Amino acid sequence: MKRPIKPIVGLIALIVAIIGLVGSIFGPDIAEWIQPTPPVEEKIADLTVRIKDAVIAKLKDRNATIIVKSREHDWHQTIPKLAMGLGMLGLIGASASYTRGENRAFAVSAAGLGAVALAWQAMMISLGALILIVIIFAVLNALGIDMSF
């Protein structure tokens, strides 16, 4: 009688896919906790100071010296990419688990969670675009422009 294969790869793939899904859903909150974005007032103040310095340099016929800030690690871009990578690793691990002949429950669960972790980013972008379209149609309707097809 054949001994069942322990679902080690499937379990690891499932854990990685779960971490990827959590990173996809809560990634912006985690990034904001690690690296808070500066307030809008601070960004506007920095921009106006740079514009003022460039205008003064141009009026005095000098080249404007642009002060480049040291580039720091941007967690707002890293965490979503990391979450998508973990979702992809969950999918790869699920296929390896299925190929090894491990328990299908782990492989299917890891594949599903990995796919959702990958699709979450695209789904949020699509939802934002849909909300923007609804707002545009509402404003045009309020202005009396008929957009019926």
N, C-alpha and C. Protein backbone atom coordinates (compact mmCIF):
# COMPACT_ATOMS: atom_id res chain seq x y z
N MET A 1 0.84 -1.17 0.00
CA MET A 1 0.00 0.00 0.00
C MET A 1 0.89 1.24 0.00
N LYS A 2 0.54 2.22 -0.80
CA LYS A 2 1.32 3.43 -0.96
C LYS A 2 1.05 4.39 0.20
N ARG A 3 2.14 4.89 0.78
CA ARG A 3 2.01 5.85 1.88
C ARG A 3 1.67 7.22 1.31
N PRO A 4 0.78 7.96 1.97
CA PRO A 4 0.46 9.31 1.48
C PRO A 4 1.65 10.26 1.67
N ILE A 5 1.80 11.16 0.74
CA ILE A 5 2.88 12.15 0.80
C ILE A 5 2.46 13.27 1.75
N LYS A 6 3.37 13.66 2.62
CA LYS A 6 3.07 14.76 3.54
C LYS A 6 2.97 16.07 2.76
N PRO A 7 1.98 16.88 3.05
CA PRO A 7 1.77 18.11 2.26
C PRO A 7 2.65 19.26 2.71
N ILE A 8 3.95 19.06 2.72
CA ILE A 8 4.87 20.10 3.19
C ILE A 8 4.89 21.27 2.22
N VAL A 9 5.04 21.00 0.92
CA VAL A 9 5.09 22.08 -0.07
C VAL A 9 3.75 22.80 -0.12
N GLY A 10 2.66 22.04 -0.05
CA GLY A 10 1.34 22.66 -0.08
C GLY A 10 1.08 23.54 1.12
N LEU A 11 1.53 23.13 2.29
CA LEU A 11 1.36 23.92 3.50
C LEU A 11 2.19 25.20 3.44
N ILE A 12 3.42 25.08 2.97
CA ILE A 12 4.27 26.26 2.82
C ILE A 12 3.67 27.22 1.80
N ALA A 13 3.17 26.68 0.68
CA ALA A 13 2.54 27.51 -0.34
C ALA A 13 1.30 28.20 0.20
N LEU A 14 0.54 27.50 1.01
CA LEU A 14 -0.66 28.09 1.61
C LEU A 14 -0.31 29.24 2.55
N ILE A 15 0.70 29.05 3.36
CA ILE A 15 1.13 30.11 4.29
C ILE A 15 1.65 31.32 3.52
N VAL A 16 2.45 31.08 2.48
CA VAL A 16 2.99 32.18 1.68
C VAL A 16 1.85 32.92 0.98
N ALA A 17 0.87 32.19 0.45
CA ALA A 17 -0.25 32.83 -0.23
C ALA A 17 -1.10 33.64 0.74
N ILE A 18 -1.27 33.15 1.95
CA ILE A 18 -2.02 33.91 2.96
C ILE A 18 -1.30 35.20 3.31
N ILE A 19 0.01 35.14 3.49
CA ILE A 19 0.79 36.35 3.78
C ILE A 19 0.71 37.32 2.61
N GLY A 20 0.76 36.79 1.37
CA GLY A 20 0.63 37.64 0.19
C GLY A 20 -0.73 38.32 0.12
N LEU A 21 -1.79 37.59 0.46
CA LEU A 21 -3.14 38.17 0.44
C LEU A 21 -3.29 39.24 1.52
N VAL A 22 -2.77 38.97 2.71
CA VAL A 22 -2.82 39.97 3.77
C VAL A 22 -2.02 41.21 3.37
N GLY A 23 -0.87 41.00 2.74
CA GLY A 23 -0.08 42.14 2.26
C GLY A 23 -0.77 42.92 1.17
N SER A 24 -1.53 42.24 0.32
CA SER A 24 -2.26 42.94 -0.73
C SER A 24 -3.39 43.78 -0.16
N ILE A 25 -4.11 43.21 0.79
CA ILE A 25 -5.27 43.92 1.33
C ILE A 25 -4.84 45.05 2.27
N PHE A 26 -3.94 44.76 3.17
CA PHE A 26 -3.54 45.74 4.18
C PHE A 26 -2.22 46.43 3.86
N GLY A 27 -1.70 46.26 2.65
CA GLY A 27 -0.42 46.86 2.28
C GLY A 27 -0.35 48.36 2.44
N PRO A 28 -1.35 49.11 1.94
CA PRO A 28 -1.29 50.57 2.12
C PRO A 28 -1.28 50.99 3.59
N ASP A 29 -2.02 50.30 4.43
CA ASP A 29 -2.03 50.64 5.85
C ASP A 29 -0.69 50.32 6.51
N ILE A 30 -0.10 49.20 6.13
CA ILE A 30 1.20 48.82 6.67
C ILE A 30 2.27 49.82 6.22
N ALA A 31 2.22 50.21 4.95
CA ALA A 31 3.20 51.17 4.44
C ALA A 31 3.04 52.53 5.12
N GLU A 32 1.82 52.94 5.37
CA GLU A 32 1.59 54.22 6.05
C GLU A 32 2.07 54.16 7.49
N TRP A 33 1.97 53.00 8.11
CA TRP A 33 2.45 52.83 9.47
C TRP A 33 3.97 52.88 9.52
N ILE A 34 4.62 52.27 8.52
CA ILE A 34 6.08 52.24 8.49
C ILE A 34 6.64 53.60 8.08
N GLN A 35 6.05 54.18 7.03
CA GLN A 35 6.57 55.43 6.47
C GLN A 35 5.40 56.38 6.22
N PRO A 36 5.05 57.22 7.20
CA PRO A 36 3.91 58.12 7.01
C PRO A 36 4.19 59.13 5.90
N THR A 37 3.17 59.41 5.10
CA THR A 37 3.32 60.42 4.05
C THR A 37 3.26 61.80 4.69
N PRO A 38 4.08 62.73 4.19
CA PRO A 38 4.03 64.08 4.76
C PRO A 38 2.70 64.75 4.43
N PRO A 39 2.29 65.71 5.26
CA PRO A 39 1.02 66.40 4.99
C PRO A 39 1.10 67.19 3.68
N VAL A 40 -0.06 67.47 3.11
CA VAL A 40 -0.13 68.19 1.84
C VAL A 40 0.48 69.58 1.99
N GLU A 41 0.27 70.20 3.14
CA GLU A 41 0.81 71.55 3.36
C GLU A 41 2.34 71.54 3.26
N GLU A 42 2.97 70.50 3.79
CA GLU A 42 4.42 70.40 3.74
C GLU A 42 4.91 70.20 2.30
N LYS A 43 4.20 69.38 1.53
CA LYS A 43 4.57 69.17 0.13
C LYS A 43 4.44 70.46 -0.67
N ILE A 44 3.34 71.19 -0.45
CA ILE A 44 3.13 72.46 -1.16
C ILE A 44 4.19 73.47 -0.76
N ALA A 45 4.53 73.53 0.52
CA ALA A 45 5.55 74.46 0.97
C ALA A 45 6.91 74.15 0.33
N ASP A 46 7.28 72.89 0.26
CA ASP A 46 8.54 72.52 -0.39
C ASP A 46 8.54 72.89 -1.86
N LEU A 47 7.42 72.66 -2.54
CA LEU A 47 7.32 72.99 -3.96
C LEU A 47 7.42 74.49 -4.18
N THR A 48 6.76 75.29 -3.35
CA THR A 48 6.83 76.75 -3.54
C THR A 48 8.22 77.28 -3.26
N VAL A 49 8.92 76.70 -2.29
CA VAL A 49 10.30 77.14 -2.02
C VAL A 49 11.20 76.80 -3.21
N ARG A 50 11.03 75.62 -3.79
CA ARG A 50 11.84 75.26 -4.96
C ARG A 50 11.52 76.16 -6.16
N ILE A 51 10.25 76.49 -6.35
CA ILE A 51 9.87 77.38 -7.46
C ILE A 51 10.45 78.77 -7.22
N LYS A 52 10.37 79.26 -5.99
CA LYS A 52 10.92 80.58 -5.65
C LYS A 52 12.43 80.63 -5.91
N ASP A 53 13.14 79.59 -5.50
CA ASP A 53 14.58 79.54 -5.71
C ASP A 53 14.92 79.51 -7.19
N ALA A 54 14.14 78.76 -7.98
CA ALA A 54 14.38 78.68 -9.42
C ALA A 54 14.11 80.02 -10.10
N VAL A 55 13.06 80.73 -9.68
CA VAL A 55 12.73 82.03 -10.27
C VAL A 55 13.81 83.05 -9.93
N ILE A 56 14.26 83.08 -8.68
CA ILE A 56 15.32 84.02 -8.28
C ILE A 56 16.60 83.74 -9.05
N ALA A 57 16.95 82.48 -9.22
CA ALA A 57 18.15 82.13 -9.97
C ALA A 57 18.01 82.54 -11.43
N LYS A 58 16.83 82.40 -11.99
CA LYS A 58 16.61 82.78 -13.40
C LYS A 58 16.69 84.29 -13.56
N LEU A 59 16.15 85.04 -12.61
CA LEU A 59 16.19 86.50 -12.69
C LEU A 59 17.61 87.04 -12.53
N LYS A 60 18.44 86.36 -11.80
CA LYS A 60 19.82 86.78 -11.61
C LYS A 60 20.75 86.18 -12.65
N ASP A 61 20.20 85.54 -13.68
CA ASP A 61 20.96 84.91 -14.76
C ASP A 61 21.96 83.88 -14.25
N ARG A 62 21.54 83.10 -13.30
CA ARG A 62 22.35 82.01 -12.80
C ARG A 62 21.62 80.71 -13.04
N ASN A 63 22.37 79.66 -13.07
CA ASN A 63 21.74 78.34 -13.17
C ASN A 63 21.15 77.98 -11.81
N ALA A 64 19.96 77.49 -11.86
CA ALA A 64 19.30 77.09 -10.61
C ALA A 64 19.95 75.82 -10.08
N THR A 65 20.33 75.87 -8.83
CA THR A 65 20.89 74.67 -8.21
C THR A 65 19.74 73.88 -7.60
N ILE A 66 19.57 72.70 -8.10
CA ILE A 66 18.49 71.86 -7.62
C ILE A 66 19.03 70.96 -6.53
N ILE A 67 18.43 71.05 -5.39
CA ILE A 67 18.85 70.22 -4.26
C ILE A 67 18.07 68.91 -4.35
N VAL A 68 18.81 67.86 -4.56
CA VAL A 68 18.19 66.55 -4.68
C VAL A 68 18.22 65.89 -3.31
N LYS A 69 17.05 65.51 -2.86
CA LYS A 69 16.98 64.83 -1.57
C LYS A 69 17.55 63.42 -1.72
N SER A 70 18.16 62.95 -0.63
CA SER A 70 18.66 61.58 -0.67
C SER A 70 17.47 60.63 -0.80
N ARG A 71 17.60 59.71 -1.70
CA ARG A 71 16.49 58.80 -1.98
C ARG A 71 16.38 57.77 -0.87
N GLU A 72 15.23 57.76 -0.26
CA GLU A 72 14.98 56.77 0.78
C GLU A 72 14.09 55.67 0.24
N HIS A 73 14.02 54.61 0.96
CA HIS A 73 13.24 53.45 0.53
C HIS A 73 11.76 53.78 0.60
N ASP A 74 11.03 53.57 -0.49
CA ASP A 74 9.61 53.87 -0.55
C ASP A 74 8.81 52.60 -0.27
N TRP A 75 8.27 52.51 0.93
CA TRP A 75 7.51 51.34 1.33
C TRP A 75 6.15 51.29 0.65
N HIS A 76 5.65 52.42 0.17
CA HIS A 76 4.35 52.44 -0.49
C HIS A 76 4.38 51.73 -1.84
N GLN A 77 5.55 51.57 -2.41
CA GLN A 77 5.69 50.80 -3.65
C GLN A 77 6.21 49.39 -3.38
N THR A 78 6.98 49.22 -2.33
CA THR A 78 7.60 47.93 -2.05
C THR A 78 6.60 46.90 -1.55
N ILE A 79 5.72 47.29 -0.64
CA ILE A 79 4.81 46.32 -0.02
C ILE A 79 3.83 45.72 -1.03
N PRO A 80 3.20 46.50 -1.92
CA PRO A 80 2.33 45.86 -2.92
C PRO A 80 3.09 44.92 -3.86
N LYS A 81 4.30 45.30 -4.24
CA LYS A 81 5.10 44.41 -5.10
C LYS A 81 5.48 43.13 -4.36
N LEU A 82 5.84 43.27 -3.09
CA LEU A 82 6.17 42.11 -2.28
C LEU A 82 4.96 41.19 -2.11
N ALA A 83 3.80 41.78 -1.91
CA ALA A 83 2.58 40.98 -1.76
C ALA A 83 2.24 40.25 -3.04
N MET A 84 2.42 40.90 -4.18
CA MET A 84 2.17 40.23 -5.45
C MET A 84 3.18 39.11 -5.67
N GLY A 85 4.42 39.33 -5.27
CA GLY A 85 5.44 38.29 -5.38
C GLY A 85 5.12 37.09 -4.50
N LEU A 86 4.63 37.35 -3.30
CA LEU A 86 4.25 36.24 -2.42
C LEU A 86 3.04 35.50 -2.96
N GLY A 87 2.10 36.22 -3.57
CA GLY A 87 0.97 35.56 -4.20
C GLY A 87 1.41 34.66 -5.34
N MET A 88 2.38 35.14 -6.11
CA MET A 88 2.91 34.33 -7.22
C MET A 88 3.65 33.10 -6.68
N LEU A 89 4.42 33.29 -5.60
CA LEU A 89 5.09 32.14 -4.99
C LEU A 89 4.08 31.13 -4.44
N GLY A 90 2.96 31.62 -3.93
CA GLY A 90 1.90 30.72 -3.48
C GLY A 90 1.33 29.91 -4.63
N LEU A 91 1.15 30.55 -5.80
CA LEU A 91 0.68 29.83 -6.98
C LEU A 91 1.69 28.79 -7.44
N ILE A 92 2.96 29.16 -7.46
CA ILE A 92 4.00 28.23 -7.88
C ILE A 92 4.09 27.06 -6.91
N GLY A 93 4.03 27.36 -5.62
CA GLY A 93 4.07 26.29 -4.63
C GLY A 93 2.85 25.38 -4.72
N ALA A 94 1.70 25.97 -5.05
CA ALA A 94 0.49 25.16 -5.21
C ALA A 94 0.62 24.20 -6.38
N SER A 95 1.19 24.69 -7.48
CA SER A 95 1.37 23.79 -8.63
C SER A 95 2.40 22.71 -8.33
N ALA A 96 3.44 23.06 -7.57
CA ALA A 96 4.43 22.05 -7.19
C ALA A 96 3.82 21.01 -6.24
N SER A 97 2.97 21.47 -5.34
CA SER A 97 2.30 20.56 -4.42
C SER A 97 1.36 19.61 -5.17
N TYR A 98 0.65 20.15 -6.13
CA TYR A 98 -0.26 19.32 -6.92
C TYR A 98 0.51 18.30 -7.76
N THR A 99 1.63 18.75 -8.31
CA THR A 99 2.45 17.87 -9.14
C THR A 99 3.07 16.74 -8.30
N ARG A 100 3.45 17.06 -7.06
CA ARG A 100 4.02 16.04 -6.18
C ARG A 100 2.99 15.01 -5.75
N GLY A 101 1.73 15.30 -5.91
CA GLY A 101 0.68 14.37 -5.50
C GLY A 101 0.26 14.54 -4.05
N GLU A 102 0.51 15.73 -3.51
CA GLU A 102 0.10 16.00 -2.13
C GLU A 102 -1.42 16.18 -2.07
N ASN A 103 -1.91 16.38 -0.87
CA ASN A 103 -3.33 16.59 -0.66
C ASN A 103 -3.81 17.78 -1.50
N ARG A 104 -4.87 17.58 -2.26
CA ARG A 104 -5.37 18.63 -3.16
C ARG A 104 -5.89 19.85 -2.42
N ALA A 105 -6.36 19.67 -1.21
CA ALA A 105 -6.93 20.79 -0.47
C ALA A 105 -5.90 21.91 -0.27
N PHE A 106 -4.68 21.54 0.06
CA PHE A 106 -3.64 22.55 0.25
C PHE A 106 -3.29 23.23 -1.07
N ALA A 107 -3.18 22.45 -2.13
CA ALA A 107 -2.82 23.01 -3.44
C ALA A 107 -3.90 23.95 -3.95
N VAL A 108 -5.15 23.55 -3.86
CA VAL A 108 -6.24 24.38 -4.36
C VAL A 108 -6.39 25.64 -3.51
N SER A 109 -6.27 25.50 -2.20
CA SER A 109 -6.38 26.67 -1.32
C SER A 109 -5.25 27.66 -1.58
N ALA A 110 -4.04 27.18 -1.71
CA ALA A 110 -2.90 28.06 -1.98
C ALA A 110 -3.03 28.72 -3.34
N ALA A 111 -3.51 27.98 -4.33
CA ALA A 111 -3.68 28.56 -5.66
C ALA A 111 -4.76 29.64 -5.65
N GLY A 112 -5.85 29.38 -4.97
CA GLY A 112 -6.93 30.38 -4.90
C GLY A 112 -6.50 31.64 -4.18
N LEU A 113 -5.86 31.49 -3.02
CA LEU A 113 -5.42 32.66 -2.27
C LEU A 113 -4.32 33.42 -3.00
N GLY A 114 -3.43 32.70 -3.68
CA GLY A 114 -2.39 33.37 -4.47
C GLY A 114 -2.98 34.15 -5.62
N ALA A 115 -3.99 33.60 -6.28
CA ALA A 115 -4.64 34.31 -7.39
C ALA A 115 -5.37 35.55 -6.90
N VAL A 116 -6.02 35.45 -5.75
CA VAL A 116 -6.71 36.61 -5.19
C VAL A 116 -5.70 37.68 -4.77
N ALA A 117 -4.57 37.28 -4.22
CA ALA A 117 -3.54 38.24 -3.85
C ALA A 117 -3.02 38.98 -5.07
N LEU A 118 -2.88 38.28 -6.19
CA LEU A 118 -2.44 38.94 -7.42
C LEU A 118 -3.52 39.84 -8.00
N ALA A 119 -4.77 39.40 -7.93
CA ALA A 119 -5.85 40.15 -8.55
C ALA A 119 -6.31 41.35 -7.72
N TRP A 120 -5.94 41.39 -6.45
CA TRP A 120 -6.43 42.45 -5.57
C TRP A 120 -6.02 43.83 -6.06
N GLN A 121 -4.78 43.97 -6.51
CA GLN A 121 -4.31 45.28 -6.96
C GLN A 121 -5.10 45.75 -8.18
N ALA A 122 -5.28 44.87 -9.15
CA ALA A 122 -6.03 45.23 -10.35
C ALA A 122 -7.49 45.53 -10.01
N MET A 123 -8.03 44.80 -9.06
CA MET A 123 -9.42 45.01 -8.67
C MET A 123 -9.59 46.39 -8.02
N MET A 124 -8.64 46.82 -7.21
CA MET A 124 -8.74 48.13 -6.57
C MET A 124 -8.60 49.26 -7.60
N ILE A 125 -7.72 49.09 -8.58
CA ILE A 125 -7.58 50.09 -9.64
C ILE A 125 -8.87 50.17 -10.45
N SER A 126 -9.46 49.03 -10.76
CA SER A 126 -10.71 49.01 -11.52
C SER A 126 -11.84 49.64 -10.73
N LEU A 127 -11.89 49.39 -9.44
CA LEU A 127 -12.93 49.99 -8.60
C LEU A 127 -12.77 51.50 -8.55
N GLY A 128 -11.54 51.98 -8.45
CA GLY A 128 -11.30 53.43 -8.46
C GLY A 128 -11.71 54.06 -9.77
N ALA A 129 -11.41 53.39 -10.88
CA ALA A 129 -11.81 53.92 -12.18
C ALA A 129 -13.33 53.95 -12.32
N LEU A 130 -14.00 52.93 -11.82
CA LEU A 130 -15.46 52.88 -11.88
C LEU A 130 -16.09 54.00 -11.05
N ILE A 131 -15.55 54.26 -9.88
CA ILE A 131 -16.05 55.35 -9.04
C ILE A 131 -15.83 56.69 -9.72
N LEU A 132 -14.68 56.88 -10.37
CA LEU A 132 -14.40 58.12 -11.10
C LEU A 132 -15.39 58.32 -12.24
N ILE A 133 -15.72 57.26 -12.96
CA ILE A 133 -16.68 57.36 -14.06
C ILE A 133 -18.06 57.74 -13.53
N VAL A 134 -18.47 57.15 -12.42
CA VAL A 134 -19.77 57.48 -11.83
C VAL A 134 -19.80 58.94 -11.40
N ILE A 135 -18.72 59.44 -10.82
CA ILE A 135 -18.67 60.84 -10.41
C ILE A 135 -18.76 61.76 -11.62
N ILE A 136 -18.04 61.43 -12.69
CA ILE A 136 -18.08 62.27 -13.90
C ILE A 136 -19.50 62.31 -14.47
N PHE A 137 -20.16 61.15 -14.55
CA PHE A 137 -21.52 61.12 -15.07
C PHE A 137 -22.48 61.89 -14.16
N ALA A 138 -22.28 61.84 -12.85
CA ALA A 138 -23.14 62.57 -11.93
C ALA A 138 -22.97 64.08 -12.10
N VAL A 139 -21.72 64.52 -12.26
CA VAL A 139 -21.46 65.95 -12.45
C VAL A 139 -22.05 66.42 -13.77
N LEU A 140 -21.86 65.64 -14.84
CA LEU A 140 -22.43 66.02 -16.13
C LEU A 140 -23.95 66.05 -16.08
N ASN A 141 -24.54 65.13 -15.37
CA ASN A 141 -26.00 65.10 -15.22
C ASN A 141 -26.47 66.32 -14.43
N ALA A 142 -25.72 66.71 -13.40
CA ALA A 142 -26.09 67.88 -12.61
C ALA A 142 -25.98 69.16 -13.43
N LEU A 143 -25.08 69.17 -14.40
CA LEU A 143 -24.94 70.34 -15.27
C LEU A 143 -25.98 70.37 -16.37
N GLY A 144 -26.75 69.30 -16.50
CA GLY A 144 -27.82 69.27 -17.49
C GLY A 144 -27.38 68.66 -18.82
N ILE A 145 -26.22 68.05 -18.85
CA ILE A 145 -25.75 67.42 -20.08
C ILE A 145 -26.26 65.99 -20.08
N ASP A 146 -26.98 65.63 -21.15
CA ASP A 146 -27.56 64.30 -21.23
C ASP A 146 -26.55 63.33 -21.85
N MET A 147 -26.22 62.29 -21.11
CA MET A 147 -25.24 61.31 -21.58
C MET A 147 -25.89 59.95 -21.84
N SER A 148 -27.19 59.95 -22.15
CA SER A 148 -27.86 58.68 -22.39
C SER A 148 -27.44 58.13 -23.75
N PHE A 149 -27.39 56.83 -23.83
CA PHE A 149 -26.93 56.18 -25.06
C PHE A 149 -28.10 55.54 -25.75
